[in-house]
Each structure stands twice: as C-alpha cells, then as structure tokens.
All heavy atoms as atom14 arrays in JSON, in Angstrom:
{
  "sequence": "LGWFRQAPGKEREAVSCISAGDGDTHYPWTVK",
  "atom14_mask": [
    [1, 1, 1, 1, 1, 1, 1, 1, 0, 0, 0, 0, 0, 0],
    [1, 1, 1, 1, 0, 0, 0, 0, 0, 0, 0, 0, 0, 0],
    [1, 1, 1, 1, 1, 1, 1, 1, 1, 1, 1, 1, 1, 1],
    [1, 1, 1, 1, 1, 1, 1, 1, 1, 1, 1, 0, 0, 0],
    [1, 1, 1, 1, 1, 1, 1, 1, 1, 1, 1, 0, 0, 0],
    [1, 1, 1, 1, 1, 1, 1, 1, 1, 0, 0, 0, 0, 0],
    [1, 1, 1, 1, 1, 0, 0, 0, 0, 0, 0, 0, 0, 0],
    [1, 1, 1, 1, 1, 1, 1, 0, 0, 0, 0, 0, 0, 0],
    [1, 1, 1, 1, 0, 0, 0, 0, 0, 0, 0, 0, 0, 0],
    [1, 1, 1, 1, 1, 1, 1, 1, 1, 0, 0, 0, 0, 0],
    [1, 1, 1, 1, 1, 1, 1, 1, 1, 0, 0, 0, 0, 0],
    [1, 1, 1, 1, 1, 1, 1, 1, 1, 1, 1, 0, 0, 0],
    [1, 1, 1, 1, 1, 1, 1, 1, 1, 0, 0, 0, 0, 0],
    [1, 1, 1, 1, 1, 0, 0, 0, 0, 0, 0, 0, 0, 0],
    [1, 1, 1, 1, 1, 1, 1, 0, 0, 0, 0, 0, 0, 0],
    [1, 1, 1, 1, 1, 1, 0, 0, 0, 0, 0, 0, 0, 0],
    [1, 1, 1, 1, 1, 1, 0, 0, 0, 0, 0, 0, 0, 0],
    [1, 1, 1, 1, 1, 1, 1, 1, 0, 0, 0, 0, 0, 0],
    [1, 1, 1, 1, 1, 1, 0, 0, 0, 0, 0, 0, 0, 0],
    [1, 1, 1, 1, 1, 0, 0, 0, 0, 0, 0, 0, 0, 0],
    [1, 1, 1, 1, 0, 0, 0, 0, 0, 0, 0, 0, 0, 0],
    [1, 1, 1, 1, 1, 1, 1, 1, 0, 0, 0, 0, 0, 0],
    [1, 1, 1, 1, 0, 0, 0, 0, 0, 0, 0, 0, 0, 0],
    [1, 1, 1, 1, 1, 1, 1, 1, 0, 0, 0, 0, 0, 0],
    [1, 1, 1, 1, 1, 1, 1, 0, 0, 0, 0, 0, 0, 0],
    [1, 1, 1, 1, 1, 1, 1, 1, 1, 1, 0, 0, 0, 0],
    [1, 1, 1, 1, 1, 1, 1, 1, 1, 1, 1, 1, 0, 0],
    [1, 1, 1, 1, 1, 1, 1, 0, 0, 0, 0, 0, 0, 0],
    [1, 1, 1, 1, 1, 1, 1, 1, 1, 1, 1, 1, 1, 1],
    [1, 1, 1, 1, 1, 1, 1, 0, 0, 0, 0, 0, 0, 0],
    [1, 1, 1, 1, 1, 1, 1, 0, 0, 0, 0, 0, 0, 0],
    [1, 1, 1, 1, 1, 1, 1, 1, 1, 0, 0, 0, 0, 0]
  ],
  "atom14_positions": [
    [[-8.09, -12.21, 21.5], [-8.28, -13.48, 22.19], [-6.93, -14.16, 22.34], [-6.16, -14.24, 21.39], [-9.22, -14.38, 21.39], [-10.65, -13.86, 21.2], [-11.32, -14.57, 20.03], [-11.45, -14.06, 22.48], [0.0, 0.0, 0.0], [0.0, 0.0, 0.0], [0.0, 0.0, 0.0], [0.0, 0.0, 0.0], [0.0, 0.0, 0.0], [0.0, 0.0, 0.0]],
    [[-6.68, -14.67, 23.52], [-5.4, -15.32, 23.77], [-5.55, -16.64, 24.5], [-6.5, -16.85, 25.25], [0.0, 0.0, 0.0], [0.0, 0.0, 0.0], [0.0, 0.0, 0.0], [0.0, 0.0, 0.0], [0.0, 0.0, 0.0], [0.0, 0.0, 0.0], [0.0, 0.0, 0.0], [0.0, 0.0, 0.0], [0.0, 0.0, 0.0], [0.0, 0.0, 0.0]],
    [[-4.6, -17.52, 24.24], [-4.44, -18.75, 25.01], [-3.12, -18.67, 25.76], [-2.08, -18.35, 25.17], [-4.45, -19.99, 24.12], [-5.81, -20.43, 23.68], [-6.4, -20.19, 22.48], [-6.74, -21.21, 24.45], [-7.64, -20.77, 22.44], [-7.88, -21.4, 23.63], [-6.72, -21.75, 25.73], [-8.99, -22.12, 24.06], [-7.83, -22.47, 26.16], [-8.95, -22.64, 25.34]],
    [[-3.17, -18.98, 27.04], [-2.01, -18.99, 27.91], [-1.98, -20.3, 28.67], [-2.97, -21.01, 28.76], [-2.06, -17.81, 28.89], [-2.01, -16.47, 28.23], [-3.13, -15.91, 27.64], [-0.82, -15.75, 28.18], [-3.09, -14.68, 27.03], [-0.76, -14.51, 27.57], [-1.9, -13.98, 26.99], [0.0, 0.0, 0.0], [0.0, 0.0, 0.0], [0.0, 0.0, 0.0]],
    [[-0.83, -20.61, 29.22], [-0.72, -21.83, 30.02], [0.19, -21.59, 31.21], [1.07, -20.73, 31.19], [-0.19, -23.0, 29.19], [1.26, -22.86, 28.75], [1.65, -24.0, 27.82], [3.04, -23.91, 27.42], [3.58, -24.69, 26.49], [2.85, -25.62, 25.86], [4.87, -24.55, 26.19], [0.0, 0.0, 0.0], [0.0, 0.0, 0.0], [0.0, 0.0, 0.0]],
    [[-0.03, -22.39, 32.24], [0.8, -22.33, 33.42], [1.08, -23.74, 33.92], [0.16, -24.46, 34.3], [0.16, -21.49, 34.52], [1.08, -21.26, 35.71], [0.61, -20.14, 36.61], [-0.58, -19.83, 36.65], [1.53, -19.52, 37.31], [0.0, 0.0, 0.0], [0.0, 0.0, 0.0], [0.0, 0.0, 0.0], [0.0, 0.0, 0.0], [0.0, 0.0, 0.0]],
    [[2.33, -24.12, 33.89], [2.76, -25.41, 34.39], [3.16, -25.27, 35.85], [3.49, -24.17, 36.32], [3.94, -25.93, 33.57], [0.0, 0.0, 0.0], [0.0, 0.0, 0.0], [0.0, 0.0, 0.0], [0.0, 0.0, 0.0], [0.0, 0.0, 0.0], [0.0, 0.0, 0.0], [0.0, 0.0, 0.0], [0.0, 0.0, 0.0], [0.0, 0.0, 0.0]],
    [[3.15, -26.38, 36.59], [3.55, -26.31, 38.01], [4.94, -25.72, 38.17], [5.89, -26.12, 37.5], [3.52, -27.78, 38.44], [2.53, -28.42, 37.53], [2.72, -27.73, 36.21], [0.0, 0.0, 0.0], [0.0, 0.0, 0.0], [0.0, 0.0, 0.0], [0.0, 0.0, 0.0], [0.0, 0.0, 0.0], [0.0, 0.0, 0.0], [0.0, 0.0, 0.0]],
    [[5.04, -24.75, 39.06], [6.32, -24.13, 39.34], [6.8, -23.15, 38.31], [7.93, -22.64, 38.43], [0.0, 0.0, 0.0], [0.0, 0.0, 0.0], [0.0, 0.0, 0.0], [0.0, 0.0, 0.0], [0.0, 0.0, 0.0], [0.0, 0.0, 0.0], [0.0, 0.0, 0.0], [0.0, 0.0, 0.0], [0.0, 0.0, 0.0], [0.0, 0.0, 0.0]],
    [[6.01, -22.86, 37.29], [6.41, -21.94, 36.24], [5.43, -20.79, 36.13], [4.29, -20.86, 36.58], [6.5, -22.67, 34.9], [7.52, -23.78, 34.85], [7.59, -24.43, 33.49], [8.11, -23.47, 32.44], [8.23, -24.13, 31.11], [0.0, 0.0, 0.0], [0.0, 0.0, 0.0], [0.0, 0.0, 0.0], [0.0, 0.0, 0.0], [0.0, 0.0, 0.0]],
    [[5.89, -19.72, 35.52], [5.03, -18.57, 35.29], [4.08, -18.85, 34.13], [4.35, -19.68, 33.27], [5.87, -17.33, 34.98], [6.74, -16.88, 36.14], [7.52, -15.63, 35.81], [7.44, -15.16, 34.66], [8.19, -15.12, 36.71], [0.0, 0.0, 0.0], [0.0, 0.0, 0.0], [0.0, 0.0, 0.0], [0.0, 0.0, 0.0], [0.0, 0.0, 0.0]],
    [[2.99, -18.13, 34.13], [2.05, -18.25, 33.02], [2.68, -17.67, 31.76], [3.33, -16.61, 31.8], [0.75, -17.54, 33.36], [-0.35, -17.76, 32.35], [-1.73, -17.65, 32.97], [-1.95, -16.39, 33.65], [-3.04, -16.12, 34.35], [-4.0, -17.02, 34.48], [-3.16, -14.94, 34.95], [0.0, 0.0, 0.0], [0.0, 0.0, 0.0], [0.0, 0.0, 0.0]],
    [[2.48, -18.34, 30.64], [3.07, -17.92, 29.39], [2.06, -18.01, 28.25], [1.17, -18.86, 28.27], [4.3, -18.77, 29.04], [3.98, -20.23, 28.82], [5.18, -21.03, 28.35], [6.21, -20.43, 27.97], [5.08, -22.28, 28.35], [0.0, 0.0, 0.0], [0.0, 0.0, 0.0], [0.0, 0.0, 0.0], [0.0, 0.0, 0.0], [0.0, 0.0, 0.0]],
    [[2.24, -17.15, 27.28], [1.38, -17.16, 26.11], [1.71, -18.34, 25.21], [2.87, -18.72, 25.06], [1.53, -15.86, 25.33], [0.0, 0.0, 0.0], [0.0, 0.0, 0.0], [0.0, 0.0, 0.0], [0.0, 0.0, 0.0], [0.0, 0.0, 0.0], [0.0, 0.0, 0.0], [0.0, 0.0, 0.0], [0.0, 0.0, 0.0], [0.0, 0.0, 0.0]],
    [[0.68, -18.91, 24.6], [0.89, -19.93, 23.58], [0.32, -19.52, 22.23], [0.71, -20.1, 21.21], [0.32, -21.29, 24.01], [1.09, -21.82, 25.21], [-1.17, -21.21, 24.33], [0.0, 0.0, 0.0], [0.0, 0.0, 0.0], [0.0, 0.0, 0.0], [0.0, 0.0, 0.0], [0.0, 0.0, 0.0], [0.0, 0.0, 0.0], [0.0, 0.0, 0.0]],
    [[-0.57, -18.55, 22.21], [-1.13, -18.07, 20.95], [-2.1, -16.94, 21.23], [-2.6, -16.8, 22.34], [-1.85, -19.18, 20.18], [-2.95, -19.68, 20.91], [0.0, 0.0, 0.0], [0.0, 0.0, 0.0], [0.0, 0.0, 0.0], [0.0, 0.0, 0.0], [0.0, 0.0, 0.0], [0.0, 0.0, 0.0], [0.0, 0.0, 0.0], [0.0, 0.0, 0.0]],
    [[-2.38, -16.16, 20.21], [-3.42, -15.15, 20.34], [-3.9, -14.72, 18.97], [-3.25, -14.94, 17.95], [-2.95, -13.94, 21.16], [-1.63, -12.95, 20.41], [0.0, 0.0, 0.0], [0.0, 0.0, 0.0], [0.0, 0.0, 0.0], [0.0, 0.0, 0.0], [0.0, 0.0, 0.0], [0.0, 0.0, 0.0], [0.0, 0.0, 0.0], [0.0, 0.0, 0.0]],
    [[-5.06, -14.09, 18.98], [-5.64, -13.43, 17.81], [-5.77, -11.96, 18.18], [-6.45, -11.61, 19.14], [-7.01, -14.01, 17.45], [-6.9, -15.5, 17.1], [-7.61, -13.24, 16.28], [-8.24, -16.18, 16.89], [0.0, 0.0, 0.0], [0.0, 0.0, 0.0], [0.0, 0.0, 0.0], [0.0, 0.0, 0.0], [0.0, 0.0, 0.0], [0.0, 0.0, 0.0]],
    [[-5.13, -11.1, 17.43], [-5.13, -9.69, 17.76], [-6.45, -9.03, 17.39], [-7.15, -9.46, 16.47], [-3.97, -8.97, 17.06], [-3.95, -9.26, 15.67], [0.0, 0.0, 0.0], [0.0, 0.0, 0.0], [0.0, 0.0, 0.0], [0.0, 0.0, 0.0], [0.0, 0.0, 0.0], [0.0, 0.0, 0.0], [0.0, 0.0, 0.0], [0.0, 0.0, 0.0]],
    [[-6.79, -7.99, 18.14], [-7.97, -7.2, 17.83], [-7.77, -6.46, 16.52], [-6.65, -6.19, 16.09], [-8.26, -6.22, 18.95], [0.0, 0.0, 0.0], [0.0, 0.0, 0.0], [0.0, 0.0, 0.0], [0.0, 0.0, 0.0], [0.0, 0.0, 0.0], [0.0, 0.0, 0.0], [0.0, 0.0, 0.0], [0.0, 0.0, 0.0], [0.0, 0.0, 0.0]],
    [[-8.86, -6.13, 15.89], [-8.81, -5.34, 14.66], [-8.6, -6.2, 13.43], [-9.56, -6.5, 12.71], [0.0, 0.0, 0.0], [0.0, 0.0, 0.0], [0.0, 0.0, 0.0], [0.0, 0.0, 0.0], [0.0, 0.0, 0.0], [0.0, 0.0, 0.0], [0.0, 0.0, 0.0], [0.0, 0.0, 0.0], [0.0, 0.0, 0.0], [0.0, 0.0, 0.0]],
    [[-7.37, -6.6, 13.2], [-7.06, -7.35, 11.99], [-7.32, -8.84, 12.12], [-7.42, -9.54, 11.11], [-5.63, -7.1, 11.53], [-4.58, -7.45, 12.57], [-4.91, -8.09, 13.59], [-3.41, -7.07, 12.36], [0.0, 0.0, 0.0], [0.0, 0.0, 0.0], [0.0, 0.0, 0.0], [0.0, 0.0, 0.0], [0.0, 0.0, 0.0], [0.0, 0.0, 0.0]],
    [[-7.41, -9.34, 13.35], [-7.66, -10.76, 13.57], [-6.5, -11.66, 13.2], [-6.71, -12.86, 12.99], [0.0, 0.0, 0.0], [0.0, 0.0, 0.0], [0.0, 0.0, 0.0], [0.0, 0.0, 0.0], [0.0, 0.0, 0.0], [0.0, 0.0, 0.0], [0.0, 0.0, 0.0], [0.0, 0.0, 0.0], [0.0, 0.0, 0.0], [0.0, 0.0, 0.0]],
    [[-5.29, -11.13, 13.13], [-4.13, -11.95, 12.82], [-3.77, -12.84, 14.0], [-4.01, -12.51, 15.16], [-2.92, -11.08, 12.48], [-3.03, -10.42, 11.12], [-3.93, -10.8, 10.34], [-2.21, -9.54, 10.83], [0.0, 0.0, 0.0], [0.0, 0.0, 0.0], [0.0, 0.0, 0.0], [0.0, 0.0, 0.0], [0.0, 0.0, 0.0], [0.0, 0.0, 0.0]],
    [[-3.16, -13.97, 13.68], [-2.72, -14.9, 14.72], [-1.26, -14.68, 15.04], [-0.46, -14.26, 14.2], [-2.95, -16.35, 14.29], [-2.21, -16.61, 13.08], [-4.42, -16.61, 14.04], [0.0, 0.0, 0.0], [0.0, 0.0, 0.0], [0.0, 0.0, 0.0], [0.0, 0.0, 0.0], [0.0, 0.0, 0.0], [0.0, 0.0, 0.0], [0.0, 0.0, 0.0]],
    [[-0.9, -14.99, 16.29], [0.46, -14.81, 16.78], [0.83, -15.98, 17.67], [0.0, -16.5, 18.41], [0.58, -13.5, 17.56], [0.15, -12.3, 16.77], [1.03, -11.57, 16.0], [-1.07, -11.72, 16.62], [0.36, -10.59, 15.41], [-0.91, -10.66, 15.76], [0.0, 0.0, 0.0], [0.0, 0.0, 0.0], [0.0, 0.0, 0.0], [0.0, 0.0, 0.0]],
    [[2.11, -16.37, 17.61], [2.58, -17.52, 18.36], [3.98, -17.26, 18.89], [4.8, -16.66, 18.2], [2.64, -18.78, 17.49], [1.33, -19.15, 16.85], [0.98, -18.65, 15.61], [0.45, -20.01, 17.5], [-0.23, -19.0, 15.01], [-0.75, -20.35, 16.92], [-1.09, -19.85, 15.67], [-2.29, -20.2, 15.09], [0.0, 0.0, 0.0], [0.0, 0.0, 0.0]],
    [[4.28, -17.76, 20.08], [5.67, -17.75, 20.53], [6.43, -18.92, 19.92], [5.82, -19.87, 19.4], [5.52, -17.93, 22.05], [4.3, -18.79, 22.19], [3.37, -18.34, 21.07], [0.0, 0.0, 0.0], [0.0, 0.0, 0.0], [0.0, 0.0, 0.0], [0.0, 0.0, 0.0], [0.0, 0.0, 0.0], [0.0, 0.0, 0.0], [0.0, 0.0, 0.0]],
    [[7.74, -18.85, 19.99], [8.56, -19.89, 19.37], [8.32, -21.27, 19.96], [8.52, -22.28, 19.3], [10.04, -19.53, 19.48], [10.58, -19.61, 20.87], [10.64, -18.61, 21.8], [11.14, -20.77, 21.5], [11.2, -19.06, 22.96], [11.51, -20.38, 22.8], [11.36, -22.08, 21.1], [12.09, -21.28, 23.71], [11.93, -22.97, 22.0], [12.29, -22.57, 23.28]],
    [[7.9, -21.32, 21.23], [7.74, -22.59, 21.91], [6.7, -23.51, 21.28], [6.8, -24.73, 21.41], [7.37, -22.36, 23.38], [6.29, -21.43, 23.46], [8.55, -21.83, 24.16], [0.0, 0.0, 0.0], [0.0, 0.0, 0.0], [0.0, 0.0, 0.0], [0.0, 0.0, 0.0], [0.0, 0.0, 0.0], [0.0, 0.0, 0.0], [0.0, 0.0, 0.0]],
    [[5.72, -22.95, 20.62], [4.64, -23.77, 20.07], [4.42, -23.55, 18.58], [3.64, -24.29, 17.96], [3.31, -23.54, 20.81], [3.48, -23.77, 22.3], [2.76, -22.15, 20.55], [0.0, 0.0, 0.0], [0.0, 0.0, 0.0], [0.0, 0.0, 0.0], [0.0, 0.0, 0.0], [0.0, 0.0, 0.0], [0.0, 0.0, 0.0], [0.0, 0.0, 0.0]],
    [[5.08, -22.58, 18.0], [4.86, -22.28, 16.59], [5.13, -23.51, 15.74], [6.16, -24.17, 15.86], [5.77, -21.13, 16.15], [5.39, -20.52, 14.81], [6.23, -19.3, 14.53], [5.86, -18.64, 13.21], [4.48, -18.08, 13.25], [0.0, 0.0, 0.0], [0.0, 0.0, 0.0], [0.0, 0.0, 0.0], [0.0, 0.0, 0.0], [0.0, 0.0, 0.0]]
  ]
}
C-alpha cells in the first residue's frame, strides 16, 4: 500500500508505503 502526491506543475512522488509480505513502512526524506 502506498501514498503518493502530486502538486501543480510537479511529478507525482511517493510519501509513504507499506511493503507486501513483511508490512514494513517506508518513507522518503521529504516527509520522514
């Protein structure tokens, strides 16, 4: 499961996710 965002004039980017299998969470530096 992932959350992504897209601001006007910018590409869509990841903000967080939960990986399959282990269910661990992951974040990019922008929102960590």
